[in-house]
Amino acid sequence: MKPENFGHRISAFLGWEDIDFEQYPIFSNEYHLTGEYKDFIRETFNDHVLKFFSKTSGWSVEAANYYLIFYSHNSLVPDNILQDFYRLGLGIFDLFKSER
């Protein structure tokens, strides 16, 4: 998952679709979500996750097996808020675990 940009919109026009959620149009417009296992991704992006990311923008999330990477593309977290960013990441991890 990454912020949707103009290139993604061109790709959609050419037929390369990402995963969208009808009940969360803000999320679907803000983020480009793709992956090999679309059904699993739809299940994993539960209401809690979709609501959170519908209210915030600019984040990227990548996952492989049991690993989750959460970051803001092309930016570094200032050291004075690193602890808060860490707690935010743990909270997001908990959102993905809920309702499973």
N, C-alpha and C. Protein backbone atom coordinates (compact mmCIF):
# COMPACT_ATOMS: atom_id res chain seq x y z
N MET A 1 0.85 -1.16 0.00
CA MET A 1 0.00 0.00 0.00
C MET A 1 0.89 1.22 0.00
N LYS A 2 0.56 2.16 -0.88
CA LYS A 2 1.29 3.42 -0.93
C LYS A 2 0.35 4.52 -1.38
N PRO A 3 0.72 5.77 -1.14
CA PRO A 3 -0.15 6.86 -1.59
C PRO A 3 -0.37 6.78 -3.10
N GLU A 4 -1.61 6.97 -3.49
CA GLU A 4 -1.94 6.93 -4.92
C GLU A 4 -1.43 8.20 -5.59
N ASN A 5 -0.88 8.04 -6.79
CA ASN A 5 -0.38 9.20 -7.53
C ASN A 5 -0.91 9.18 -8.96
N PHE A 6 -0.52 10.16 -9.72
CA PHE A 6 -1.00 10.29 -11.09
C PHE A 6 -0.66 9.06 -11.93
N GLY A 7 0.54 8.51 -11.74
CA GLY A 7 0.95 7.31 -12.48
C GLY A 7 0.03 6.13 -12.22
N HIS A 8 -0.41 5.98 -10.97
CA HIS A 8 -1.34 4.90 -10.64
C HIS A 8 -2.68 5.10 -11.35
N ARG A 9 -3.11 6.35 -11.45
CA ARG A 9 -4.39 6.63 -12.13
C ARG A 9 -4.29 6.33 -13.63
N ILE A 10 -3.15 6.63 -14.22
CA ILE A 10 -2.92 6.29 -15.64
C ILE A 10 -2.93 4.77 -15.80
N SER A 11 -2.27 4.06 -14.88
CA SER A 11 -2.25 2.60 -14.93
C SER A 11 -3.65 2.02 -14.86
N ALA A 12 -4.49 2.59 -13.98
CA ALA A 12 -5.88 2.12 -13.86
C ALA A 12 -6.63 2.35 -15.16
N PHE A 13 -6.38 3.48 -15.79
CA PHE A 13 -7.02 3.77 -17.07
C PHE A 13 -6.63 2.74 -18.12
N LEU A 14 -5.39 2.23 -18.03
CA LEU A 14 -4.90 1.24 -18.99
C LEU A 14 -5.29 -0.19 -18.60
N GLY A 15 -5.99 -0.34 -17.47
CA GLY A 15 -6.48 -1.66 -17.10
C GLY A 15 -5.76 -2.32 -15.94
N TRP A 16 -4.73 -1.71 -15.38
CA TRP A 16 -4.04 -2.29 -14.22
C TRP A 16 -4.69 -1.75 -12.96
N GLU A 17 -5.59 -2.53 -12.42
CA GLU A 17 -6.39 -2.09 -11.28
C GLU A 17 -5.70 -2.42 -9.97
N ASP A 18 -5.93 -1.56 -8.99
CA ASP A 18 -5.51 -1.88 -7.64
C ASP A 18 -6.73 -2.39 -6.88
N ILE A 19 -6.55 -2.68 -5.61
CA ILE A 19 -7.64 -3.19 -4.78
C ILE A 19 -8.35 -2.00 -4.15
N ASP A 20 -9.63 -1.87 -4.43
CA ASP A 20 -10.44 -0.78 -3.88
C ASP A 20 -11.52 -1.35 -2.98
N PHE A 21 -12.02 -0.52 -2.07
CA PHE A 21 -13.08 -0.89 -1.16
C PHE A 21 -14.23 0.09 -1.35
N GLU A 22 -15.36 -0.39 -1.88
CA GLU A 22 -16.51 0.48 -2.17
C GLU A 22 -16.98 1.23 -0.94
N GLN A 23 -16.95 0.57 0.23
CA GLN A 23 -17.45 1.21 1.44
C GLN A 23 -16.45 2.22 2.02
N TYR A 24 -15.25 2.31 1.45
CA TYR A 24 -14.23 3.27 1.90
C TYR A 24 -13.65 4.01 0.70
N PRO A 25 -14.44 4.88 0.08
CA PRO A 25 -13.96 5.57 -1.13
C PRO A 25 -12.78 6.51 -0.86
N ILE A 26 -12.71 7.09 0.33
CA ILE A 26 -11.58 7.97 0.63
C ILE A 26 -10.29 7.16 0.64
N PHE A 27 -10.31 6.01 1.31
CA PHE A 27 -9.14 5.13 1.31
C PHE A 27 -8.77 4.75 -0.12
N SER A 28 -9.75 4.33 -0.89
CA SER A 28 -9.49 3.86 -2.26
C SER A 28 -8.94 4.97 -3.15
N ASN A 29 -9.33 6.21 -2.90
CA ASN A 29 -8.80 7.32 -3.68
C ASN A 29 -7.42 7.76 -3.22
N GLU A 30 -7.13 7.59 -1.93
CA GLU A 30 -5.86 8.06 -1.37
C GLU A 30 -4.72 7.05 -1.53
N TYR A 31 -5.07 5.76 -1.56
CA TYR A 31 -4.03 4.73 -1.52
C TYR A 31 -4.12 3.76 -2.70
N HIS A 32 -2.95 3.33 -3.13
CA HIS A 32 -2.79 2.32 -4.18
C HIS A 32 -2.43 1.01 -3.47
N LEU A 33 -3.33 0.06 -3.50
CA LEU A 33 -3.16 -1.20 -2.79
C LEU A 33 -3.11 -2.34 -3.79
N THR A 34 -2.03 -3.09 -3.77
CA THR A 34 -1.87 -4.23 -4.68
C THR A 34 -1.26 -5.40 -3.93
N GLY A 35 -1.35 -6.56 -4.53
CA GLY A 35 -0.73 -7.74 -3.96
C GLY A 35 -1.19 -8.98 -4.69
N GLU A 36 -0.43 -10.02 -4.50
CA GLU A 36 -0.69 -11.27 -5.21
C GLU A 36 -1.96 -11.97 -4.70
N TYR A 37 -2.19 -11.91 -3.39
CA TYR A 37 -3.31 -12.64 -2.78
C TYR A 37 -4.43 -11.66 -2.41
N LYS A 38 -5.20 -11.27 -3.41
CA LYS A 38 -6.20 -10.21 -3.25
C LYS A 38 -7.25 -10.54 -2.17
N ASP A 39 -7.72 -11.77 -2.11
CA ASP A 39 -8.72 -12.13 -1.09
C ASP A 39 -8.14 -11.99 0.31
N PHE A 40 -6.92 -12.43 0.50
CA PHE A 40 -6.27 -12.31 1.81
C PHE A 40 -6.06 -10.84 2.17
N ILE A 41 -5.67 -10.04 1.20
CA ILE A 41 -5.47 -8.61 1.44
C ILE A 41 -6.79 -7.96 1.84
N ARG A 42 -7.86 -8.29 1.14
CA ARG A 42 -9.18 -7.73 1.49
C ARG A 42 -9.59 -8.11 2.91
N GLU A 43 -9.28 -9.33 3.29
CA GLU A 43 -9.61 -9.79 4.65
C GLU A 43 -8.74 -9.08 5.69
N THR A 44 -7.48 -8.89 5.37
CA THR A 44 -6.54 -8.28 6.31
C THR A 44 -6.80 -6.80 6.51
N PHE A 45 -7.20 -6.11 5.45
CA PHE A 45 -7.53 -4.69 5.57
C PHE A 45 -8.96 -4.57 6.09
N ASN A 46 -9.09 -4.81 7.39
CA ASN A 46 -10.40 -4.81 8.04
C ASN A 46 -10.90 -3.37 8.24
N ASP A 47 -12.09 -3.24 8.81
CA ASP A 47 -12.69 -1.91 9.01
C ASP A 47 -11.80 -0.98 9.82
N HIS A 48 -11.15 -1.50 10.86
CA HIS A 48 -10.29 -0.66 11.69
C HIS A 48 -9.14 -0.07 10.89
N VAL A 49 -8.50 -0.89 10.08
CA VAL A 49 -7.38 -0.44 9.24
C VAL A 49 -7.87 0.58 8.22
N LEU A 50 -8.96 0.27 7.55
CA LEU A 50 -9.48 1.16 6.51
C LEU A 50 -9.93 2.50 7.08
N LYS A 51 -10.56 2.49 8.26
CA LYS A 51 -10.97 3.75 8.89
C LYS A 51 -9.76 4.59 9.26
N PHE A 52 -8.73 3.96 9.83
CA PHE A 52 -7.53 4.70 10.23
C PHE A 52 -6.89 5.37 9.02
N PHE A 53 -6.63 4.60 7.97
CA PHE A 53 -5.94 5.15 6.81
C PHE A 53 -6.83 6.08 5.98
N SER A 54 -8.15 5.99 6.16
CA SER A 54 -9.03 6.95 5.50
C SER A 54 -8.90 8.34 6.12
N LYS A 55 -8.48 8.38 7.38
CA LYS A 55 -8.33 9.65 8.10
C LYS A 55 -6.92 10.23 8.00
N THR A 56 -5.97 9.45 7.53
CA THR A 56 -4.59 9.92 7.41
C THR A 56 -4.10 9.60 6.00
N SER A 57 -3.17 10.36 5.52
CA SER A 57 -2.66 10.10 4.17
C SER A 57 -1.14 10.15 4.18
N GLY A 58 -0.56 9.63 3.11
CA GLY A 58 0.88 9.69 2.94
C GLY A 58 1.66 8.51 3.47
N TRP A 59 0.99 7.51 4.00
CA TRP A 59 1.69 6.36 4.57
C TRP A 59 1.86 5.25 3.55
N SER A 60 2.88 4.44 3.78
CA SER A 60 3.10 3.22 2.99
C SER A 60 3.16 2.05 3.96
N VAL A 61 2.63 0.91 3.53
CA VAL A 61 2.68 -0.32 4.31
C VAL A 61 3.08 -1.43 3.37
N GLU A 62 4.06 -2.21 3.79
CA GLU A 62 4.47 -3.39 3.04
C GLU A 62 4.48 -4.57 3.99
N ALA A 63 4.19 -5.74 3.48
CA ALA A 63 4.17 -6.92 4.32
C ALA A 63 4.68 -8.12 3.54
N ALA A 64 5.34 -9.00 4.26
CA ALA A 64 5.80 -10.27 3.70
C ALA A 64 5.85 -11.26 4.85
N ASN A 65 5.14 -12.36 4.68
CA ASN A 65 5.04 -13.37 5.72
C ASN A 65 4.58 -12.71 7.02
N TYR A 66 5.42 -12.72 8.04
CA TYR A 66 5.03 -12.17 9.34
C TYR A 66 5.62 -10.79 9.59
N TYR A 67 6.12 -10.14 8.58
CA TYR A 67 6.76 -8.84 8.73
C TYR A 67 5.88 -7.73 8.17
N LEU A 68 5.83 -6.63 8.89
CA LEU A 68 5.05 -5.47 8.48
C LEU A 68 5.97 -4.26 8.54
N ILE A 69 6.04 -3.51 7.44
CA ILE A 69 6.84 -2.30 7.38
C ILE A 69 5.89 -1.13 7.17
N PHE A 70 6.02 -0.13 8.01
CA PHE A 70 5.15 1.05 7.99
C PHE A 70 6.06 2.27 7.90
N TYR A 71 5.82 3.13 6.90
CA TYR A 71 6.70 4.29 6.74
C TYR A 71 6.01 5.37 5.92
N SER A 72 6.60 6.54 5.98
CA SER A 72 6.18 7.66 5.14
C SER A 72 7.23 7.80 4.05
N HIS A 73 6.81 7.64 2.81
CA HIS A 73 7.73 7.60 1.68
C HIS A 73 8.53 8.89 1.56
N ASN A 74 9.83 8.75 1.30
CA ASN A 74 10.74 9.88 1.09
C ASN A 74 10.85 10.83 2.27
N SER A 75 10.70 10.33 3.47
CA SER A 75 10.91 11.20 4.63
C SER A 75 11.48 10.39 5.79
N LEU A 76 12.25 11.06 6.60
CA LEU A 76 12.82 10.44 7.79
C LEU A 76 12.07 10.94 9.02
N VAL A 77 11.94 10.06 10.00
CA VAL A 77 11.29 10.44 11.24
C VAL A 77 12.31 11.19 12.09
N PRO A 78 12.00 12.41 12.49
CA PRO A 78 12.93 13.15 13.36
C PRO A 78 13.15 12.39 14.67
N ASP A 79 14.37 12.45 15.17
CA ASP A 79 14.70 11.67 16.37
C ASP A 79 13.88 12.06 17.59
N ASN A 80 13.39 13.30 17.65
CA ASN A 80 12.62 13.71 18.82
C ASN A 80 11.20 13.11 18.84
N ILE A 81 10.74 12.54 17.73
CA ILE A 81 9.42 11.89 17.74
C ILE A 81 9.51 10.40 17.37
N LEU A 82 10.70 9.87 17.40
CA LEU A 82 10.90 8.47 17.03
C LEU A 82 10.10 7.53 17.93
N GLN A 83 10.08 7.81 19.22
CA GLN A 83 9.34 6.96 20.16
C GLN A 83 7.84 7.00 19.85
N ASP A 84 7.31 8.18 19.52
CA ASP A 84 5.89 8.29 19.15
C ASP A 84 5.60 7.53 17.86
N PHE A 85 6.51 7.61 16.89
CA PHE A 85 6.34 6.89 15.63
C PHE A 85 6.34 5.38 15.88
N TYR A 86 7.21 4.93 16.76
CA TYR A 86 7.26 3.51 17.12
C TYR A 86 5.92 3.08 17.72
N ARG A 87 5.38 3.87 18.64
CA ARG A 87 4.08 3.54 19.24
C ARG A 87 2.96 3.54 18.19
N LEU A 88 3.02 4.49 17.27
CA LEU A 88 2.03 4.53 16.19
C LEU A 88 2.12 3.25 15.35
N GLY A 89 3.33 2.81 15.04
CA GLY A 89 3.52 1.58 14.28
C GLY A 89 2.94 0.37 15.00
N LEU A 90 3.15 0.30 16.32
CA LEU A 90 2.58 -0.80 17.10
C LEU A 90 1.05 -0.74 17.08
N GLY A 91 0.50 0.46 17.15
CA GLY A 91 -0.95 0.61 17.08
C GLY A 91 -1.51 0.15 15.75
N ILE A 92 -0.81 0.47 14.68
CA ILE A 92 -1.24 0.03 13.35
C ILE A 92 -1.15 -1.48 13.23
N PHE A 93 -0.09 -2.05 13.78
CA PHE A 93 0.04 -3.50 13.80
C PHE A 93 -1.16 -4.13 14.51
N ASP A 94 -1.56 -3.54 15.64
CA ASP A 94 -2.72 -4.04 16.38
C ASP A 94 -4.01 -3.93 15.55
N LEU A 95 -4.14 -2.86 14.77
CA LEU A 95 -5.32 -2.72 13.90
C LEU A 95 -5.40 -3.88 12.91
N PHE A 96 -4.26 -4.25 12.35
CA PHE A 96 -4.24 -5.36 11.39
C PHE A 96 -4.59 -6.68 12.08
N LYS A 97 -4.25 -6.83 13.35
CA LYS A 97 -4.53 -8.07 14.07
C LYS A 97 -5.98 -8.18 14.51
N SER A 98 -6.67 -7.05 14.63
CA SER A 98 -8.05 -7.08 15.15
C SER A 98 -8.99 -7.75 14.15
N GLU A 99 -10.04 -8.36 14.70
CA GLU A 99 -11.08 -9.03 13.91
C GLU A 99 -10.55 -10.19 13.07
N ARG A 100 -9.50 -10.83 13.48
CA ARG A 100 -8.96 -11.94 12.69
C ARG A 100 -9.19 -13.23 13.42
